[in-house]
Amino acid sequence: MPVIKILPHHEYCPEGAEITAPAGTSICEALLDNGIKIEHACDMSCACTTCHVVVRKGFESLNDAEEEEEDLLDRAWGLEPQSRLSCQAILAQSDVTVEIPKYSINHAKENH
């Protein structure tokens, strides 16, 4: 199973983490399944940017972004060339390292 290394994030994963998830799983699902409560305001339907991550390692192993995802990413805070919506980024067999940006465009967070 691929390993996802999550770089430290002050709110969601202060110490960083390493988790595993089966190939075919989205990064967002893998994080949530492992207790890392990344935002996903649209319930993983590719309608917002709150689950934006930057893939620091293994970017090329993920599925290609669809046009809809690329259009949404244009509105994400801290956009980088390796940015993906974690609900759309599907794991293959390779390990990945992700960074959850410090901010999102979601001003009113759920359950906080």
PDB file of N, CA and C in Angstrom:
ATOM      1  N   MET A   1       0.836  -1.191   0.000  1.00  0.00           N
ATOM      2  CA  MET A   1       0.000   0.000   0.000  1.00  0.00           C
ATOM      3  C   MET A   1       0.877   1.250   0.000  1.00  0.00           C
ATOM      4  N   PRO A   2       0.467   2.262  -0.747  1.00  0.00           N
ATOM      5  CA  PRO A   2       1.232   3.506  -0.758  1.00  0.00           C
ATOM      6  C   PRO A   2       1.226   4.186   0.616  1.00  0.00           C
ATOM      7  N   VAL A   3       2.338   4.829   0.929  1.00  0.00           N
ATOM      8  CA  VAL A   3       2.460   5.612   2.149  1.00  0.00           C
ATOM      9  C   VAL A   3       2.246   7.075   1.791  1.00  0.00           C
ATOM     10  N   ILE A   4       1.450   7.756   2.612  1.00  0.00           N
ATOM     11  CA  ILE A   4       1.267   9.199   2.472  1.00  0.00           C
ATOM     12  C   ILE A   4       1.961   9.843   3.657  1.00  0.00           C
ATOM     13  N   LYS A   5       2.954  10.655   3.368  1.00  0.00           N
ATOM     14  CA  LYS A   5       3.616  11.422   4.422  1.00  0.00           C
ATOM     15  C   LYS A   5       2.974  12.799   4.427  1.00  0.00           C
ATOM     16  N   ILE A   6       2.453  13.193   5.582  1.00  0.00           N
ATOM     17  CA  ILE A   6       1.827  14.503   5.720  1.00  0.00           C
ATOM     18  C   ILE A   6       2.786  15.388   6.500  1.00  0.00           C
ATOM     19  N   LEU A   7       3.186  16.491   5.901  1.00  0.00           N
ATOM     20  CA  LEU A   7       4.079  17.421   6.575  1.00  0.00           C
ATOM     21  C   LEU A   7       3.312  18.116   7.703  1.00  0.00           C
ATOM     22  N   PRO A   8       4.000  18.550   8.748  1.00  0.00           N
ATOM     23  CA  PRO A   8       3.304  19.172   9.876  1.00  0.00           C
ATOM     24  C   PRO A   8       2.424  20.352   9.462  1.00  0.00           C
ATOM     25  N   HIS A   9       1.237  20.396  10.039  1.00  0.00           N
ATOM     26  CA  HIS A   9       0.281  21.491   9.845  1.00  0.00           C
ATOM     27  C   HIS A   9      -0.221  21.880  11.225  1.00  0.00           C
ATOM     28  N   HIS A  10      -0.167  23.145  11.554  1.00  0.00           N
ATOM     29  CA  HIS A  10      -0.465  23.619  12.913  1.00  0.00           C
ATOM     30  C   HIS A  10      -1.815  23.166  13.451  1.00  0.00           C
ATOM     31  N   GLU A  11      -2.797  22.988  12.607  1.00  0.00           N
ATOM     32  CA  GLU A  11      -4.142  22.648  13.069  1.00  0.00           C
ATOM     33  C   GLU A  11      -4.494  21.175  12.867  1.00  0.00           C
ATOM     34  N   TYR A  12      -4.243  20.657  11.689  1.00  0.00           N
ATOM     35  CA  TYR A  12      -4.730  19.314  11.340  1.00  0.00           C
ATOM     36  C   TYR A  12      -3.783  18.189  11.731  1.00  0.00           C
ATOM     37  N   CYS A  13      -2.489  18.489  11.769  1.00  0.00           N
ATOM     38  CA  CYS A  13      -1.512  17.423  11.969  1.00  0.00           C
ATOM     39  C   CYS A  13      -0.215  18.052  12.484  1.00  0.00           C
ATOM     40  N   PRO A  14      -0.222  18.556  13.730  1.00  0.00           N
ATOM     41  CA  PRO A  14       0.910  19.341  14.230  1.00  0.00           C
ATOM     42  C   PRO A  14       2.268  18.632  14.180  1.00  0.00           C
ATOM     43  N   GLU A  15       2.285  17.337  14.352  1.00  0.00           N
ATOM     44  CA  GLU A  15       3.539  16.591  14.353  1.00  0.00           C
ATOM     45  C   GLU A  15       3.865  15.977  12.992  1.00  0.00           C
ATOM     46  N   GLY A  16       2.978  16.161  12.031  1.00  0.00           N
ATOM     47  CA  GLY A  16       3.126  15.442  10.778  1.00  0.00           C
ATOM     48  C   GLY A  16       2.680  14.005  10.994  1.00  0.00           C
ATOM     49  N   ALA A  17       2.614  13.223   9.928  1.00  0.00           N
ATOM     50  CA  ALA A  17       2.170  11.830  10.064  1.00  0.00           C
ATOM     51  C   ALA A  17       2.565  11.043   8.832  1.00  0.00           C
ATOM     52  N   GLU A  18       2.559   9.739   8.982  1.00  0.00           N
ATOM     53  CA  GLU A  18       2.697   8.817   7.856  1.00  0.00           C
ATOM     54  C   GLU A  18       1.571   7.812   7.974  1.00  0.00           C
ATOM     55  N   ILE A  19       0.797   7.703   6.909  1.00  0.00           N
ATOM     56  CA  ILE A  19      -0.344   6.791   6.885  1.00  0.00           C
ATOM     57  C   ILE A  19      -0.269   5.951   5.620  1.00  0.00           C
ATOM     58  N   THR A  20      -1.029   4.874   5.580  1.00  0.00           N
ATOM     59  CA  THR A  20      -1.126   4.072   4.362  1.00  0.00           C
ATOM     60  C   THR A  20      -2.573   4.051   3.911  1.00  0.00           C
ATOM     61  N   ALA A  21      -2.746   3.853   2.624  1.00  0.00           N
ATOM     62  CA  ALA A  21      -4.085   3.760   2.040  1.00  0.00           C
ATOM     63  C   ALA A  21      -3.975   2.946   0.764  1.00  0.00           C
ATOM     64  N   PRO A  22      -5.020   2.216   0.422  1.00  0.00           N
ATOM     65  CA  PRO A  22      -4.963   1.431  -0.805  1.00  0.00           C
ATOM     66  C   PRO A  22      -4.933   2.302  -2.058  1.00  0.00           C
ATOM     67  N   ALA A  23      -4.249   1.812  -3.081  1.00  0.00           N
ATOM     68  CA  ALA A  23      -4.281   2.477  -4.380  1.00  0.00           C
ATOM     69  C   ALA A  23      -5.746   2.608  -4.798  1.00  0.00           C
ATOM     70  N   GLY A  24      -6.074   3.715  -5.454  1.00  0.00           N
ATOM     71  CA  GLY A  24      -7.457   3.964  -5.860  1.00  0.00           C
ATOM     72  C   GLY A  24      -8.220   4.829  -4.872  1.00  0.00           C
ATOM     73  N   THR A  25      -7.585   5.147  -3.747  1.00  0.00           N
ATOM     74  CA  THR A  25      -8.197   6.002  -2.725  1.00  0.00           C
ATOM     75  C   THR A  25      -7.769   7.436  -2.970  1.00  0.00           C
ATOM     76  N   SER A  26      -8.668   8.391  -2.738  1.00  0.00           N
ATOM     77  CA  SER A  26      -8.263   9.794  -2.852  1.00  0.00           C
ATOM     78  C   SER A  26      -7.445  10.168  -1.616  1.00  0.00           C
ATOM     79  N   ILE A  27      -6.589  11.143  -1.781  1.00  0.00           N
ATOM     80  CA  ILE A  27      -5.788  11.623  -0.652  1.00  0.00           C
ATOM     81  C   ILE A  27      -6.714  12.114   0.458  1.00  0.00           C
ATOM     82  N   CYS A  28      -7.779  12.806   0.112  1.00  0.00           N
ATOM     83  CA  CYS A  28      -8.718  13.320   1.112  1.00  0.00           C
ATOM     84  C   CYS A  28      -9.332  12.172   1.919  1.00  0.00           C
ATOM     85  N   GLU A  29      -9.808  11.145   1.234  1.00  0.00           N
ATOM     86  CA  GLU A  29     -10.395   9.992   1.935  1.00  0.00           C
ATOM     87  C   GLU A  29      -9.375   9.345   2.863  1.00  0.00           C
ATOM     88  N   ALA A  30      -8.149   9.202   2.389  1.00  0.00           N
ATOM     89  CA  ALA A  30      -7.099   8.575   3.196  1.00  0.00           C
ATOM     90  C   ALA A  30      -6.829   9.383   4.455  1.00  0.00           C
ATOM     91  N   LEU A  31      -6.747  10.710   4.320  1.00  0.00           N
ATOM     92  CA  LEU A  31      -6.502  11.552   5.488  1.00  0.00           C
ATOM     93  C   LEU A  31      -7.653  11.424   6.485  1.00  0.00           C
ATOM     94  N   LEU A  32      -8.871  11.561   6.000  1.00  0.00           N
ATOM     95  CA  LEU A  32     -10.036  11.476   6.890  1.00  0.00           C
ATOM     96  C   LEU A  32     -10.130  10.112   7.565  1.00  0.00           C
ATOM     97  N   ASP A  33      -9.873   9.047   6.810  1.00  0.00           N
ATOM     98  CA  ASP A  33      -9.932   7.683   7.369  1.00  0.00           C
ATOM     99  C   ASP A  33      -8.898   7.466   8.466  1.00  0.00           C
ATOM    100  N   ASN A  34      -7.857   8.302   8.479  1.00  0.00           N
ATOM    101  CA  ASN A  34      -6.789   8.167   9.463  1.00  0.00           C
ATOM    102  C   ASN A  34      -6.810   9.281  10.512  1.00  0.00           C
ATOM    103  N   GLY A  35      -7.950   9.931  10.661  1.00  0.00           N
ATOM    104  CA  GLY A  35      -8.126  10.909  11.728  1.00  0.00           C
ATOM    105  C   GLY A  35      -7.545  12.280  11.478  1.00  0.00           C
ATOM    106  N   ILE A  36      -7.135  12.564  10.240  1.00  0.00           N
ATOM    107  CA  ILE A  36      -6.624  13.886   9.901  1.00  0.00           C
ATOM    108  C   ILE A  36      -7.778  14.639   9.242  1.00  0.00           C
ATOM    109  N   LYS A  37      -8.354  15.554   9.984  1.00  0.00           N
ATOM    110  CA  LYS A  37      -9.626  16.171   9.613  1.00  0.00           C
ATOM    111  C   LYS A  37      -9.454  17.357   8.661  1.00  0.00           C
ATOM    112  N   ILE A  38      -8.914  17.083   7.484  1.00  0.00           N
ATOM    113  CA  ILE A  38      -8.763  18.119   6.460  1.00  0.00           C
ATOM    114  C   ILE A  38     -10.150  18.635   6.071  1.00  0.00           C
ATOM    115  N   GLU A  39     -10.214  19.932   5.782  1.00  0.00           N
ATOM    116  CA  GLU A  39     -11.488  20.503   5.346  1.00  0.00           C
ATOM    117  C   GLU A  39     -11.912  19.881   4.020  1.00  0.00           C
ATOM    118  N   HIS A  40     -13.211  19.760   3.853  1.00  0.00           N
ATOM    119  CA  HIS A  40     -13.792  19.268   2.602  1.00  0.00           C
ATOM    120  C   HIS A  40     -15.241  19.754   2.536  1.00  0.00           C
ATOM    121  N   ALA A  41     -15.389  21.080   2.423  1.00  0.00           N
ATOM    122  CA  ALA A  41     -16.685  21.743   2.543  1.00  0.00           C
ATOM    123  C   ALA A  41     -17.727  21.251   1.538  1.00  0.00           C
ATOM    124  N   CYS A  42     -17.290  20.797   0.363  1.00  0.00           N
ATOM    125  CA  CYS A  42     -18.252  20.351  -0.653  1.00  0.00           C
ATOM    126  C   CYS A  42     -18.503  18.847  -0.574  1.00  0.00           C
ATOM    127  N   ASP A  43     -18.038  18.231   0.506  1.00  0.00           N
ATOM    128  CA  ASP A  43     -18.214  16.792   0.707  1.00  0.00           C
ATOM    129  C   ASP A  43     -17.571  15.978  -0.411  1.00  0.00           C
ATOM    130  N   MET A  44     -16.401  16.424  -0.848  1.00  0.00           N
ATOM    131  CA  MET A  44     -15.578  15.741  -1.852  1.00  0.00           C
ATOM    132  C   MET A  44     -16.248  15.627  -3.222  1.00  0.00           C
ATOM    133  N   SER A  45     -16.974  16.671  -3.612  1.00  0.00           N
ATOM    134  CA  SER A  45     -17.660  16.632  -4.908  1.00  0.00           C
ATOM    135  C   SER A  45     -17.006  17.525  -5.959  1.00  0.00           C
ATOM    136  N   CYS A  46     -15.787  17.984  -5.697  1.00  0.00           N
ATOM    137  CA  CYS A  46     -15.041  18.842  -6.625  1.00  0.00           C
ATOM    138  C   CYS A  46     -15.806  20.130  -6.915  1.00  0.00           C
ATOM    139  N   ALA A  47     -16.263  20.783  -5.828  1.00  0.00           N
ATOM    140  CA  ALA A  47     -17.012  22.028  -5.987  1.00  0.00           C
ATOM    141  C   ALA A  47     -16.426  23.175  -5.164  1.00  0.00           C
ATOM    142  N   CYS A  48     -15.293  22.934  -4.484  1.00  0.00           N
ATOM    143  CA  CYS A  48     -14.648  23.992  -3.704  1.00  0.00           C
ATOM    144  C   CYS A  48     -13.147  23.732  -3.706  1.00  0.00           C
ATOM    145  N   THR A  49     -12.410  24.487  -2.900  1.00  0.00           N
ATOM    146  CA  THR A  49     -10.959  24.280  -2.836  1.00  0.00           C
ATOM    147  C   THR A  49     -10.465  24.042  -1.415  1.00  0.00           C
ATOM    148  N   THR A  50     -11.356  23.737  -0.496  1.00  0.00           N
ATOM    149  CA  THR A  50     -10.950  23.636   0.905  1.00  0.00           C
ATOM    150  C   THR A  50     -10.058  22.441   1.199  1.00  0.00           C
ATOM    151  N   CYS A  51     -10.018  21.436   0.325  1.00  0.00           N
ATOM    152  CA  CYS A  51      -9.158  20.265   0.550  1.00  0.00           C
ATOM    153  C   CYS A  51      -7.855  20.350  -0.240  1.00  0.00           C
ATOM    154  N   HIS A  52      -7.501  21.555  -0.677  1.00  0.00           N
ATOM    155  CA  HIS A  52      -6.279  21.794  -1.451  1.00  0.00           C
ATOM    156  C   HIS A  52      -5.044  21.311  -0.696  1.00  0.00           C
ATOM    157  N   VAL A  53      -4.192  20.566  -1.384  1.00  0.00           N
ATOM    158  CA  VAL A  53      -2.897  20.162  -0.854  1.00  0.00           C
ATOM    159  C   VAL A  53      -1.832  20.425  -1.910  1.00  0.00           C
ATOM    160  N   VAL A  54      -0.592  20.506  -1.456  1.00  0.00           N
ATOM    161  CA  VAL A  54       0.547  20.595  -2.361  1.00  0.00           C
ATOM    162  C   VAL A  54       1.293  19.273  -2.248  1.00  0.00           C
ATOM    163  N   VAL A  55       1.454  18.599  -3.381  1.00  0.00           N
ATOM    164  CA  VAL A  55       2.105  17.292  -3.398  1.00  0.00           C
ATOM    165  C   VAL A  55       3.600  17.521  -3.585  1.00  0.00           C
ATOM    166  N   ARG A  56       4.360  17.326  -2.510  1.00  0.00           N
ATOM    167  CA  ARG A  56       5.802  17.594  -2.515  1.00  0.00           C
ATOM    168  C   ARG A  56       6.611  16.438  -3.081  1.00  0.00           C
ATOM    169  N   LYS A  57       6.071  15.226  -3.054  1.00  0.00           N
ATOM    170  CA  LYS A  57       6.754  14.067  -3.618  1.00  0.00           C
ATOM    171  C   LYS A  57       5.693  13.123  -4.171  1.00  0.00           C
ATOM    172  N   GLY A  58       5.937  12.564  -5.335  1.00  0.00           N
ATOM    173  CA  GLY A  58       5.020  11.593  -5.921  1.00  0.00           C
ATOM    174  C   GLY A  58       3.907  12.190  -6.768  1.00  0.00           C
ATOM    175  N   PHE A  59       4.010  13.476  -7.089  1.00  0.00           N
ATOM    176  CA  PHE A  59       2.963  14.159  -7.863  1.00  0.00           C
ATOM    177  C   PHE A  59       2.661  13.436  -9.170  1.00  0.00           C
ATOM    178  N   GLU A  60       3.721  13.013  -9.851  1.00  0.00           N
ATOM    179  CA  GLU A  60       3.556  12.390 -11.173  1.00  0.00           C
ATOM    180  C   GLU A  60       2.858  11.028 -11.098  1.00  0.00           C
ATOM    181  N   SER A  61       2.786  10.425  -9.909  1.00  0.00           N
ATOM    182  CA  SER A  61       2.144   9.114  -9.786  1.00  0.00           C
ATOM    183  C   SER A  61       0.626   9.212  -9.661  1.00  0.00           C
ATOM    184  N   LEU A  62       0.120  10.411  -9.372  1.00  0.00           N
ATOM    185  CA  LEU A  62      -1.325  10.596  -9.208  1.00  0.00           C
ATOM    186  C   LEU A  62      -2.014  10.653 -10.560  1.00  0.00           C
ATOM    187  N   ASN A  63      -3.320  10.429 -10.553  1.00  0.00           N
ATOM    188  CA  ASN A  63      -4.106  10.592 -11.777  1.00  0.00           C
ATOM    189  C   ASN A  63      -3.995  12.038 -12.265  1.00  0.00           C
ATOM    190  N   ASP A  64      -4.231  12.269 -13.535  1.00  0.00           N
ATOM    191  CA  ASP A  64      -4.194  13.622 -14.077  1.00  0.00           C
ATOM    192  C   ASP A  64      -5.402  14.411 -13.585  1.00  0.00           C
ATOM    193  N   ALA A  65      -5.201  15.698 -13.358  1.00  0.00           N
ATOM    194  CA  ALA A  65      -6.300  16.576 -12.951  1.00  0.00           C
ATOM    195  C   ALA A  65      -7.225  16.810 -14.141  1.00  0.00           C
ATOM    196  N   GLU A  66      -8.515  16.775 -13.868  1.00  0.00           N
ATOM    197  CA  GLU A  66      -9.517  17.109 -14.888  1.00  0.00           C
ATOM    198  C   GLU A  66      -9.620  18.639 -14.990  1.00  0.00           C
ATOM    199  N   GLU A  67     -10.228  19.128 -16.065  1.00  0.00           N
ATOM    200  CA  GLU A  67     -10.360  20.563 -16.286  1.00  0.00           C
ATOM    201  C   GLU A  67     -11.128  21.243 -15.137  1.00  0.00           C
ATOM    202  N   GLU A  68     -12.160  20.585 -14.631  1.00  0.00           N
ATOM    203  CA  GLU A  68     -12.955  21.146 -13.536  1.00  0.00           C
ATOM    204  C   GLU A  68     -12.082  21.398 -12.296  1.00  0.00           C
ATOM    205  N   GLU A  69     -11.221  20.433 -11.967  1.00  0.00           N
ATOM    206  CA  GLU A  69     -10.325  20.599 -10.835  1.00  0.00           C
ATOM    207  C   GLU A  69      -9.336  21.735 -11.090  1.00  0.00           C
ATOM    208  N   GLU A  70      -8.772  21.791 -12.276  1.00  0.00           N
ATOM    209  CA  GLU A  70      -7.813  22.842 -12.596  1.00  0.00           C
ATOM    210  C   GLU A  70      -8.445  24.224 -12.504  1.00  0.00           C
ATOM    211  N   ASP A  71      -9.700  24.352 -12.947  1.00  0.00           N
ATOM    212  CA  ASP A  71     -10.406  25.631 -12.845  1.00  0.00           C
ATOM    213  C   ASP A  71     -10.597  26.044 -11.384  1.00  0.00           C
ATOM    214  N   LEU A  72     -10.956  25.088 -10.536  1.00  0.00           N
ATOM    215  CA  LEU A  72     -11.131  25.386  -9.112  1.00  0.00           C
ATOM    216  C   LEU A  72      -9.804  25.749  -8.460  1.00  0.00           C
ATOM    217  N   LEU A  73      -8.745  25.044  -8.817  1.00  0.00           N
ATOM    218  CA  LEU A  73      -7.436  25.316  -8.215  1.00  0.00           C
ATOM    219  C   LEU A  73      -6.978  26.749  -8.443  1.00  0.00           C
ATOM    220  N   ASP A  74      -7.427  27.351  -9.545  1.00  0.00           N
ATOM    221  CA  ASP A  74      -7.073  28.742  -9.815  1.00  0.00           C
ATOM    222  C   ASP A  74      -7.524  29.671  -8.690  1.00  0.00           C
ATOM    223  N   ARG A  75      -8.499  29.235  -7.880  1.00  0.00           N
ATOM    224  CA  ARG A  75      -9.021  30.050  -6.775  1.00  0.00           C
ATOM    225  C   ARG A  75      -8.432  29.657  -5.422  1.00  0.00           C
ATOM    226  N   ALA A  76      -7.592  28.654  -5.386  1.00  0.00           N
ATOM    227  CA  ALA A  76      -7.048  28.158  -4.116  1.00  0.00           C
ATOM    228  C   ALA A  76      -5.987  29.107  -3.572  1.00  0.00           C
ATOM    229  N   TRP A  77      -5.925  29.224  -2.246  1.00  0.00           N
ATOM    230  CA  TRP A  77      -4.896  30.019  -1.597  1.00  0.00           C
ATOM    231  C   TRP A  77      -3.569  29.269  -1.687  1.00  0.00           C
ATOM    232  N   GLY A  78      -2.509  29.980  -2.034  1.00  0.00           N
ATOM    233  CA  GLY A  78      -1.178  29.374  -2.047  1.00  0.00           C
ATOM    234  C   GLY A  78      -0.964  28.374  -3.175  1.00  0.00           C
ATOM    235  N   LEU A  79      -1.585  28.599  -4.310  1.00  0.00           N
ATOM    236  CA  LEU A  79      -1.480  27.689  -5.459  1.00  0.00           C
ATOM    237  C   LEU A  79      -0.028  27.517  -5.902  1.00  0.00           C
ATOM    238  N   GLU A  80       0.364  26.276  -6.142  1.00  0.00           N
ATOM    239  CA  GLU A  80       1.695  25.946  -6.639  1.00  0.00           C
ATOM    240  C   GLU A  80       1.544  24.973  -7.804  1.00  0.00           C
ATOM    241  N   PRO A  81       2.597  24.765  -8.597  1.00  0.00           N
ATOM    242  CA  PRO A  81       2.494  23.838  -9.729  1.00  0.00           C
ATOM    243  C   PRO A  81       2.106  22.415  -9.322  1.00  0.00           C
ATOM    244  N   GLN A  82       2.420  22.017  -8.092  1.00  0.00           N
ATOM    245  CA  GLN A  82       2.092  20.667  -7.624  1.00  0.00           C
ATOM    246  C   GLN A  82       0.826  20.649  -6.767  1.00  0.00           C
ATOM    247  N   SER A  83      -0.016  21.661  -6.901  1.00  0.00           N
ATOM    248  CA  SER A  83      -1.267  21.712  -6.147  1.00  0.00           C
ATOM    249  C   SER A  83      -2.291  20.748  -6.727  1.00  0.00           C
ATOM    250  N   ARG A  84      -3.055  20.140  -5.826  1.00  0.00           N
ATOM    251  CA  ARG A  84      -4.180  19.275  -6.213  1.00  0.00           C
ATOM    252  C   ARG A  84      -5.296  19.454  -5.194  1.00  0.00           C
ATOM    253  N   LEU A  85      -6.511  19.182  -5.614  1.00  0.00           N
ATOM    254  CA  LEU A  85      -7.602  19.027  -4.663  1.00  0.00           C
ATOM    255  C   LEU A  85      -7.486  17.602  -4.158  1.00  0.00           C
ATOM    256  N   SER A  86      -7.351  17.438  -2.854  1.00  0.00           N
ATOM    257  CA  SER A  86      -7.093  16.091  -2.334  1.00  0.00           C
ATOM    258  C   SER A  86      -8.255  15.140  -2.581  1.00  0.00           C
ATOM    259  N   CYS A  87      -9.464  15.674  -2.793  1.00  0.00           N
ATOM    260  CA  CYS A  87     -10.610  14.798  -3.077  1.00  0.00           C
ATOM    261  C   CYS A  87     -10.561  14.242  -4.491  1.00  0.00           C
ATOM    262  N   GLN A  88      -9.731  14.827  -5.345  1.00  0.00           N
ATOM    263  CA  GLN A  88      -9.630  14.402  -6.741  1.00  0.00           C
ATOM    264  C   GLN A  88      -8.315  13.688  -7.042  1.00  0.00           C
ATOM    265  N   ALA A  89      -7.353  13.788  -6.155  1.00  0.00           N
ATOM    266  CA  ALA A  89      -6.032  13.185  -6.355  1.00  0.00           C
ATOM    267  C   ALA A  89      -6.078  11.732  -5.888  1.00  0.00           C
ATOM    268  N   ILE A  90      -6.010  10.807  -6.832  1.00  0.00           N
ATOM    269  CA  ILE A  90      -6.156   9.378  -6.547  1.00  0.00           C
ATOM    270  C   ILE A  90      -4.785   8.722  -6.477  1.00  0.00           C
ATOM    271  N   LEU A  91      -4.570   7.985  -5.390  1.00  0.00           N
ATOM    272  CA  LEU A  91      -3.297   7.295  -5.180  1.00  0.00           C
ATOM    273  C   LEU A  91      -3.108   6.148  -6.164  1.00  0.00           C
ATOM    274  N   ALA A  92      -1.879   5.988  -6.621  1.00  0.00           N
ATOM    275  CA  ALA A  92      -1.491   4.820  -7.410  1.00  0.00           C
ATOM    276  C   ALA A  92      -0.699   3.919  -6.457  1.00  0.00           C
ATOM    277  N   GLN A  93       0.370   3.320  -6.921  1.00  0.00           N
ATOM    278  CA  GLN A  93       1.176   2.437  -6.073  1.00  0.00           C
ATOM    279  C   GLN A  93       2.351   3.153  -5.414  1.00  0.00           C
ATOM    280  N   SER A  94       2.583   4.409  -5.760  1.00  0.00           N
ATOM    281  CA  SER A  94       3.748   5.142  -5.264  1.00  0.00           C
ATOM    282  C   SER A  94       3.441   5.919  -3.987  1.00  0.00           C
ATOM    283  N   ASP A  95       4.473   6.103  -3.179  1.00  0.00           N
ATOM    284  CA  ASP A  95       4.354   6.921  -1.979  1.00  0.00           C
ATOM    285  C   ASP A  95       4.261   8.389  -2.382  1.00  0.00           C
ATOM    286  N   VAL A  96       3.584   9.174  -1.553  1.00  0.00           N
ATOM    287  CA  VAL A  96       3.468  10.615  -1.793  1.00  0.00           C
ATOM    288  C   VAL A  96       3.736  11.364  -0.494  1.00  0.00           C
ATOM    289  N   THR A  97       4.189  12.598  -0.649  1.00  0.00           N
ATOM    290  CA  THR A  97       4.347  13.517   0.476  1.00  0.00           C
ATOM    291  C   THR A  97       3.483  14.721   0.175  1.00  0.00           C
ATOM    292  N   VAL A  98       2.627  15.099   1.146  1.00  0.00           N
ATOM    293  CA  VAL A  98       1.731  16.228   0.923  1.00  0.00           C
ATOM    294  C   VAL A  98       1.889  17.265   2.021  1.00  0.00           C
ATOM    295  N   GLU A  99       1.641  18.496   1.626  1.00  0.00           N
ATOM    296  CA  GLU A  99       1.603  19.619   2.556  1.00  0.00           C
ATOM    297  C   GLU A  99       0.216  20.233   2.478  1.00  0.00           C
ATOM    298  N   ILE A 100      -0.413  20.398   3.627  1.00  0.00           N
ATOM    299  CA  ILE A 100      -1.707  21.078   3.683  1.00  0.00           C
ATOM    300  C   ILE A 100      -1.394  22.559   3.868  1.00  0.00           C
ATOM    301  N   PRO A 101      -1.837  23.414   2.937  1.00  0.00           N
ATOM    302  CA  PRO A 101      -1.527  24.839   3.062  1.00  0.00           C
ATOM    303  C   PRO A 101      -2.035  25.427   4.383  1.00  0.00           C
ATOM    304  N   LYS A 102      -1.384  26.456   4.832  1.00  0.00           N
ATOM    305  CA  LYS A 102      -1.722  27.086   6.102  1.00  0.00           C
ATOM    306  C   LYS A 102      -3.145  27.638   6.100  1.00  0.00           C
ATOM    307  N   TYR A 103      -3.598  28.150   4.968  1.00  0.00           N
ATOM    308  CA  TYR A 103      -4.919  28.764   4.873  1.00  0.00           C
ATOM    309  C   TYR A 103      -5.726  28.126   3.758  1.00  0.00           C
ATOM    310  N   SER A 104      -7.039  28.289   3.852  1.00  0.00           N
ATOM    311  CA  SER A 104      -7.912  27.955   2.731  1.00  0.00           C
ATOM    312  C   SER A 104      -8.825  29.157   2.512  1.00  0.00           C
ATOM    313  N   ILE A 105      -9.612  29.119   1.461  1.00  0.00           N
ATOM    314  CA  ILE A 105     -10.520  30.233   1.208  1.00  0.00           C
ATOM    315  C   ILE A 105     -11.794  30.119   2.037  1.00  0.00           C
ATOM    316  N   ASN A 106     -11.923  29.071   2.827  1.00  0.00           N
ATOM    317  CA  ASN A 106     -13.116  28.859   3.629  1.00  0.00           C
ATOM    318  C   ASN A 106     -13.022  29.698   4.904  1.00  0.00           C
ATOM    319  N   HIS A 107     -13.793  30.781   4.971  1.00  0.00           N
ATOM    320  CA  HIS A 107     -13.737  31.677   6.125  1.00  0.00           C
ATOM    321  C   HIS A 107     -14.565  31.160   7.301  1.00  0.00           C
ATOM    322  N   ALA A 108     -15.622  30.423   7.048  1.00  0.00           N
ATOM    323  CA  ALA A 108     -16.476  29.877   8.122  1.00  0.00           C
ATOM    324  C   ALA A 108     -16.327  28.371   8.127  1.00  0.00           C
ATOM    325  N   LYS A 109     -15.454  27.864   8.992  1.00  0.00           N
ATOM    326  CA  LYS A 109     -15.193  26.437   9.032  1.00  0.00           C
ATOM    327  C   LYS A 109     -16.320  25.695   9.731  1.00  0.00           C
ATOM    328  N   GLU A 110     -16.582  24.493   9.253  1.00  0.00           N
ATOM    329  CA  GLU A 110     -17.563  23.630   9.891  1.00  0.00           C
ATOM    330  C   GLU A 110     -16.954  23.007  11.145  1.00  0.00           C
ATOM    331  N   ASN A 111     -17.762  22.779  12.157  1.00  0.00           N
ATOM    332  CA  ASN A 111     -17.369  22.051  13.368  1.00  0.00           C
ATOM    333  C   ASN A 111     -16.175  22.657  14.096  1.00  0.00           C
ATOM    334  N   HIS A 112     -16.058  23.969  14.093  1.00  0.00           N
ATOM    335  CA  HIS A 112     -14.954  24.607  14.830  1.00  0.00           C
ATOM    336  C   HIS A 112     -15.515  25.623  15.792  1.00  0.00           C
TER     337      HIS A 112
END
